[in-house]
Amino acid sequence: MKRNYVAEVKEREDGQPCFLYLNMDSDIGLGSKTIIIDLPEGTGLAEAETLRDALHRSGASIRLV
């Protein structure tokens, strides 16, 4: 199965954890909704980028059932 999104690392205000924003390449049944992965408190830019890169390398796709 091919990855159907591009994950982007987004930063919040100082002291707030980064998060991942998923740009979907195809409709998975959400309509105009957005997928955001909230990361734990203390997650910095480097950790968020590591997670993003791991998701991209894995080739995992997202779907709703």
PDB file of N, CA and C in Angstrom:
ATOM      1  N   MET A   1       0.846  -1.181   0.000  1.00  0.00           N
ATOM      2  CA  MET A   1       0.000   0.000   0.000  1.00  0.00           C
ATOM      3  C   MET A   1       0.891   1.244   0.000  1.00  0.00           C
ATOM      4  N   LYS A   2       0.524   2.227  -0.768  1.00  0.00           N
ATOM      5  CA  LYS A   2       1.304   3.448  -0.909  1.00  0.00           C
ATOM      6  C   LYS A   2       0.886   4.493   0.126  1.00  0.00           C
ATOM      7  N   ARG A   3       1.852   5.229   0.632  1.00  0.00           N
ATOM      8  CA  ARG A   3       1.564   6.322   1.566  1.00  0.00           C
ATOM      9  C   ARG A   3       0.658   7.340   0.871  1.00  0.00           C
ATOM     10  N   ASN A   4      -0.410   7.776   1.557  1.00  0.00           N
ATOM     11  CA  ASN A   4      -1.387   8.688   0.963  1.00  0.00           C
ATOM     12  C   ASN A   4      -1.405  10.055   1.641  1.00  0.00           C
ATOM     13  N   TYR A   5      -0.275  10.447   2.193  1.00  0.00           N
ATOM     14  CA  TYR A   5      -0.181  11.726   2.895  1.00  0.00           C
ATOM     15  C   TYR A   5       1.270  12.216   2.879  1.00  0.00           C
ATOM     16  N   VAL A   6       1.426  13.472   3.200  1.00  0.00           N
ATOM     17  CA  VAL A   6       2.738  14.056   3.496  1.00  0.00           C
ATOM     18  C   VAL A   6       2.614  14.680   4.871  1.00  0.00           C
ATOM     19  N   ALA A   7       3.487  14.266   5.781  1.00  0.00           N
ATOM     20  CA  ALA A   7       3.471  14.802   7.145  1.00  0.00           C
ATOM     21  C   ALA A   7       4.377  16.025   7.209  1.00  0.00           C
ATOM     22  N   GLU A   8       3.882  17.074   7.843  1.00  0.00           N
ATOM     23  CA  GLU A   8       4.658  18.292   8.047  1.00  0.00           C
ATOM     24  C   GLU A   8       4.782  18.541   9.546  1.00  0.00           C
ATOM     25  N   VAL A   9       5.963  18.960   9.974  1.00  0.00           N
ATOM     26  CA  VAL A   9       6.181  19.335  11.367  1.00  0.00           C
ATOM     27  C   VAL A   9       5.760  20.789  11.532  1.00  0.00           C
ATOM     28  N   LYS A  10       4.947  21.048  12.539  1.00  0.00           N
ATOM     29  CA  LYS A  10       4.492  22.402  12.834  1.00  0.00           C
ATOM     30  C   LYS A  10       4.907  22.761  14.253  1.00  0.00           C
ATOM     31  N   GLU A  11       5.298  24.001  14.431  1.00  0.00           N
ATOM     32  CA  GLU A  11       5.692  24.472  15.752  1.00  0.00           C
ATOM     33  C   GLU A  11       4.590  25.334  16.345  1.00  0.00           C
ATOM     34  N   ARG A  12       4.489  25.298  17.664  1.00  0.00           N
ATOM     35  CA  ARG A  12       3.566  26.164  18.395  1.00  0.00           C
ATOM     36  C   ARG A  12       4.375  27.254  19.065  1.00  0.00           C
ATOM     37  N   GLU A  13       3.776  27.922  20.014  1.00  0.00           N
ATOM     38  CA  GLU A  13       4.476  28.949  20.777  1.00  0.00           C
ATOM     39  C   GLU A  13       5.608  28.330  21.591  1.00  0.00           C
ATOM     40  N   ASP A  14       6.552  29.153  22.011  1.00  0.00           N
ATOM     41  CA  ASP A  14       7.659  28.675  22.843  1.00  0.00           C
ATOM     42  C   ASP A  14       7.139  27.885  24.034  1.00  0.00           C
ATOM     43  N   GLY A  15       7.788  26.757  24.293  1.00  0.00           N
ATOM     44  CA  GLY A  15       7.412  25.925  25.425  1.00  0.00           C
ATOM     45  C   GLY A  15       6.301  24.938  25.130  1.00  0.00           C
ATOM     46  N   GLN A  16       5.681  25.034  23.958  1.00  0.00           N
ATOM     47  CA  GLN A  16       4.608  24.113  23.579  1.00  0.00           C
ATOM     48  C   GLN A  16       5.175  23.041  22.646  1.00  0.00           C
ATOM     49  N   PRO A  17       4.661  21.803  22.713  1.00  0.00           N
ATOM     50  CA  PRO A  17       5.209  20.745  21.867  1.00  0.00           C
ATOM     51  C   PRO A  17       4.871  20.970  20.398  1.00  0.00           C
ATOM     52  N   CYS A  18       5.746  20.470  19.536  1.00  0.00           N
ATOM     53  CA  CYS A  18       5.472  20.477  18.098  1.00  0.00           C
ATOM     54  C   CYS A  18       4.339  19.489  17.815  1.00  0.00           C
ATOM     55  N   PHE A  19       3.797  19.540  16.607  1.00  0.00           N
ATOM     56  CA  PHE A  19       2.801  18.565  16.194  1.00  0.00           C
ATOM     57  C   PHE A  19       3.011  18.228  14.727  1.00  0.00           C
ATOM     58  N   LEU A  20       2.400  17.127  14.285  1.00  0.00           N
ATOM     59  CA  LEU A  20       2.467  16.738  12.879  1.00  0.00           C
ATOM     60  C   LEU A  20       1.131  17.047  12.222  1.00  0.00           C
ATOM     61  N   TYR A  21       1.212  17.660  11.053  1.00  0.00           N
ATOM     62  CA  TYR A  21       0.042  17.996  10.248  1.00  0.00           C
ATOM     63  C   TYR A  21       0.109  17.099   9.024  1.00  0.00           C
ATOM     64  N   LEU A  22      -0.945  16.328   8.781  1.00  0.00           N
ATOM     65  CA  LEU A  22      -0.944  15.407   7.647  1.00  0.00           C
ATOM     66  C   LEU A  22      -1.718  15.995   6.478  1.00  0.00           C
ATOM     67  N   ASN A  23      -1.019  16.212   5.379  1.00  0.00           N
ATOM     68  CA  ASN A  23      -1.645  16.640   4.128  1.00  0.00           C
ATOM     69  C   ASN A  23      -2.017  15.389   3.352  1.00  0.00           C
ATOM     70  N   MET A  24      -3.302  15.161   3.177  1.00  0.00           N
ATOM     71  CA  MET A  24      -3.772  13.953   2.514  1.00  0.00           C
ATOM     72  C   MET A  24      -3.714  14.117   0.996  1.00  0.00           C
ATOM     73  N   ASP A  25      -3.239  13.063   0.312  1.00  0.00           N
ATOM     74  CA  ASP A  25      -3.188  13.051  -1.145  1.00  0.00           C
ATOM     75  C   ASP A  25      -4.507  12.599  -1.759  1.00  0.00           C
ATOM     76  N   SER A  26      -5.363  11.989  -0.942  1.00  0.00           N
ATOM     77  CA  SER A  26      -6.638  11.480  -1.444  1.00  0.00           C
ATOM     78  C   SER A  26      -7.685  11.595  -0.349  1.00  0.00           C
ATOM     79  N   ASP A  27      -8.951  11.527  -0.730  1.00  0.00           N
ATOM     80  CA  ASP A  27     -10.048  11.616   0.232  1.00  0.00           C
ATOM     81  C   ASP A  27     -10.160  10.296   0.985  1.00  0.00           C
ATOM     82  N   ILE A  28     -10.098  10.359   2.307  1.00  0.00           N
ATOM     83  CA  ILE A  28     -10.245   9.144   3.117  1.00  0.00           C
ATOM     84  C   ILE A  28     -11.548   9.177   3.901  1.00  0.00           C
ATOM     85  N   GLY A  29     -12.458  10.043   3.497  1.00  0.00           N
ATOM     86  CA  GLY A  29     -13.764  10.097   4.133  1.00  0.00           C
ATOM     87  C   GLY A  29     -13.909  11.178   5.177  1.00  0.00           C
ATOM     88  N   LEU A  30     -12.965  12.087   5.256  1.00  0.00           N
ATOM     89  CA  LEU A  30     -13.038  13.158   6.245  1.00  0.00           C
ATOM     90  C   LEU A  30     -13.642  14.437   5.695  1.00  0.00           C
ATOM     91  N   GLY A  31     -13.823  14.529   4.392  1.00  0.00           N
ATOM     92  CA  GLY A  31     -14.279  15.783   3.818  1.00  0.00           C
ATOM     93  C   GLY A  31     -13.185  16.822   3.942  1.00  0.00           C
ATOM     94  N   SER A  32     -13.510  17.981   4.476  1.00  0.00           N
ATOM     95  CA  SER A  32     -12.524  19.057   4.583  1.00  0.00           C
ATOM     96  C   SER A  32     -11.807  19.068   5.933  1.00  0.00           C
ATOM     97  N   LYS A  33     -11.911  18.002   6.695  1.00  0.00           N
ATOM     98  CA  LYS A  33     -11.253  17.922   8.002  1.00  0.00           C
ATOM     99  C   LYS A  33      -9.739  17.743   7.846  1.00  0.00           C
ATOM    100  N   THR A  34      -9.020  18.048   8.906  1.00  0.00           N
ATOM    101  CA  THR A  34      -7.571  17.955   8.925  1.00  0.00           C
ATOM    102  C   THR A  34      -7.147  16.898   9.937  1.00  0.00           C
ATOM    103  N   ILE A  35      -6.050  16.208   9.638  1.00  0.00           N
ATOM    104  CA  ILE A  35      -5.499  15.247  10.592  1.00  0.00           C
ATOM    105  C   ILE A  35      -4.266  15.872  11.229  1.00  0.00           C
ATOM    106  N   ILE A  36      -4.278  15.950  12.544  1.00  0.00           N
ATOM    107  CA  ILE A  36      -3.157  16.478  13.310  1.00  0.00           C
ATOM    108  C   ILE A  36      -2.778  15.431  14.354  1.00  0.00           C
ATOM    109  N   ILE A  37      -1.489  15.169  14.472  1.00  0.00           N
ATOM    110  CA  ILE A  37      -0.998  14.267  15.504  1.00  0.00           C
ATOM    111  C   ILE A  37      -0.353  15.136  16.576  1.00  0.00           C
ATOM    112  N   ASP A  38      -1.018  15.226  17.728  1.00  0.00           N
ATOM    113  CA  ASP A  38      -0.481  15.985  18.849  1.00  0.00           C
ATOM    114  C   ASP A  38       0.582  15.140  19.538  1.00  0.00           C
ATOM    115  N   LEU A  39       1.722  15.746  19.760  1.00  0.00           N
ATOM    116  CA  LEU A  39       2.836  15.050  20.394  1.00  0.00           C
ATOM    117  C   LEU A  39       2.908  15.426  21.868  1.00  0.00           C
ATOM    118  N   PRO A  40       3.527  14.580  22.682  1.00  0.00           N
ATOM    119  CA  PRO A  40       3.569  14.818  24.126  1.00  0.00           C
ATOM    120  C   PRO A  40       4.304  16.104  24.489  1.00  0.00           C
ATOM    121  N   GLU A  41       3.952  16.634  25.635  1.00  0.00           N
ATOM    122  CA  GLU A  41       4.622  17.818  26.160  1.00  0.00           C
ATOM    123  C   GLU A  41       6.126  17.578  26.205  1.00  0.00           C
ATOM    124  N   GLY A  42       6.889  18.568  25.798  1.00  0.00           N
ATOM    125  CA  GLY A  42       8.339  18.462  25.783  1.00  0.00           C
ATOM    126  C   GLY A  42       8.910  17.996  24.457  1.00  0.00           C
ATOM    127  N   THR A  43       8.033  17.634  23.504  1.00  0.00           N
ATOM    128  CA  THR A  43       8.511  17.194  22.202  1.00  0.00           C
ATOM    129  C   THR A  43       9.025  18.395  21.421  1.00  0.00           C
ATOM    130  N   GLY A  44      10.288  18.335  21.059  1.00  0.00           N
ATOM    131  CA  GLY A  44      10.905  19.421  20.308  1.00  0.00           C
ATOM    132  C   GLY A  44      10.906  19.159  18.819  1.00  0.00           C
ATOM    133  N   LEU A  45      11.495  20.086  18.098  1.00  0.00           N
ATOM    134  CA  LEU A  45      11.549  20.023  16.641  1.00  0.00           C
ATOM    135  C   LEU A  45      12.268  18.770  16.159  1.00  0.00           C
ATOM    136  N   ALA A  46      13.398  18.453  16.740  1.00  0.00           N
ATOM    137  CA  ALA A  46      14.171  17.291  16.293  1.00  0.00           C
ATOM    138  C   ALA A  46      13.393  15.989  16.463  1.00  0.00           C
ATOM    139  N   GLU A  47      12.720  15.829  17.597  1.00  0.00           N
ATOM    140  CA  GLU A  47      11.931  14.610  17.823  1.00  0.00           C
ATOM    141  C   GLU A  47      10.761  14.520  16.852  1.00  0.00           C
ATOM    142  N   ALA A  48      10.093  15.638  16.601  1.00  0.00           N
ATOM    143  CA  ALA A  48       8.966  15.655  15.665  1.00  0.00           C
ATOM    144  C   ALA A  48       9.441  15.330  14.257  1.00  0.00           C
ATOM    145  N   GLU A  49      10.597  15.852  13.862  1.00  0.00           N
ATOM    146  CA  GLU A  49      11.139  15.550  12.530  1.00  0.00           C
ATOM    147  C   GLU A  49      11.521  14.086  12.412  1.00  0.00           C
ATOM    148  N   THR A  50      12.019  13.489  13.489  1.00  0.00           N
ATOM    149  CA  THR A  50      12.352  12.065  13.490  1.00  0.00           C
ATOM    150  C   THR A  50      11.103  11.225  13.269  1.00  0.00           C
ATOM    151  N   LEU A  51      10.017  11.572  13.954  1.00  0.00           N
ATOM    152  CA  LEU A  51       8.750  10.854  13.783  1.00  0.00           C
ATOM    153  C   LEU A  51       8.229  11.018  12.367  1.00  0.00           C
ATOM    154  N   ARG A  52       8.252  12.248  11.855  1.00  0.00           N
ATOM    155  CA  ARG A  52       7.807  12.499  10.483  1.00  0.00           C
ATOM    156  C   ARG A  52       8.584  11.633   9.495  1.00  0.00           C
ATOM    157  N   ASP A  53       9.896  11.621   9.641  1.00  0.00           N
ATOM    158  CA  ASP A  53      10.737  10.853   8.723  1.00  0.00           C
ATOM    159  C   ASP A  53      10.444   9.355   8.821  1.00  0.00           C
ATOM    160  N   ALA A  54      10.215   8.866  10.038  1.00  0.00           N
ATOM    161  CA  ALA A  54       9.886   7.448  10.227  1.00  0.00           C
ATOM    162  C   ALA A  54       8.561   7.106   9.550  1.00  0.00           C
ATOM    163  N   LEU A  55       7.570   7.987   9.678  1.00  0.00           N
ATOM    164  CA  LEU A  55       6.286   7.747   9.008  1.00  0.00           C
ATOM    165  C   LEU A  55       6.464   7.692   7.497  1.00  0.00           C
ATOM    166  N   HIS A  56       7.228   8.619   6.951  1.00  0.00           N
ATOM    167  CA  HIS A  56       7.450   8.644   5.506  1.00  0.00           C
ATOM    168  C   HIS A  56       8.191   7.392   5.037  1.00  0.00           C
ATOM    169  N   ARG A  57       9.221   6.979   5.761  1.00  0.00           N
ATOM    170  CA  ARG A  57       9.993   5.792   5.380  1.00  0.00           C
ATOM    171  C   ARG A  57       9.158   4.517   5.471  1.00  0.00           C
ATOM    172  N   SER A  58       8.233   4.482   6.419  1.00  0.00           N
ATOM    173  CA  SER A  58       7.459   3.256   6.648  1.00  0.00           C
ATOM    174  C   SER A  58       6.534   2.930   5.481  1.00  0.00           C
ATOM    175  N   GLY A  59       6.110   3.953   4.741  1.00  0.00           N
ATOM    176  CA  GLY A  59       5.163   3.721   3.658  1.00  0.00           C
ATOM    177  C   GLY A  59       3.752   3.456   4.144  1.00  0.00           C
ATOM    178  N   ALA A  60       3.504   3.602   5.448  1.00  0.00           N
ATOM    179  CA  ALA A  60       2.168   3.362   6.001  1.00  0.00           C
ATOM    180  C   ALA A  60       1.162   4.342   5.403  1.00  0.00           C
ATOM    181  N   SER A  61      -0.052   3.880   5.215  1.00  0.00           N
ATOM    182  CA  SER A  61      -1.123   4.752   4.733  1.00  0.00           C
ATOM    183  C   SER A  61      -2.178   4.899   5.823  1.00  0.00           C
ATOM    184  N   ILE A  62      -3.057   5.854   5.624  1.00  0.00           N
ATOM    185  CA  ILE A  62      -4.115   6.140   6.599  1.00  0.00           C
ATOM    186  C   ILE A  62      -5.458   5.922   5.920  1.00  0.00           C
ATOM    187  N   ARG A  63      -6.387   5.308   6.658  1.00  0.00           N
ATOM    188  CA  ARG A  63      -7.743   5.134   6.136  1.00  0.00           C
ATOM    189  C   ARG A  63      -8.728   5.120   7.281  1.00  0.00           C
ATOM    190  N   LEU A  64      -9.969   5.423   6.985  1.00  0.00           N
ATOM    191  CA  LEU A  64     -11.047   5.338   7.965  1.00  0.00           C
ATOM    192  C   LEU A  64     -11.886   4.117   7.659  1.00  0.00           C
ATOM    193  N   VAL A  65     -12.314   3.432   8.703  1.00  0.00           N
ATOM    194  CA  VAL A  65     -13.165   2.263   8.494  1.00  0.00           C
ATOM    195  C   VAL A  65     -14.384   2.347   9.381  1.00  0.00           C
TER     196      VAL A  65
END
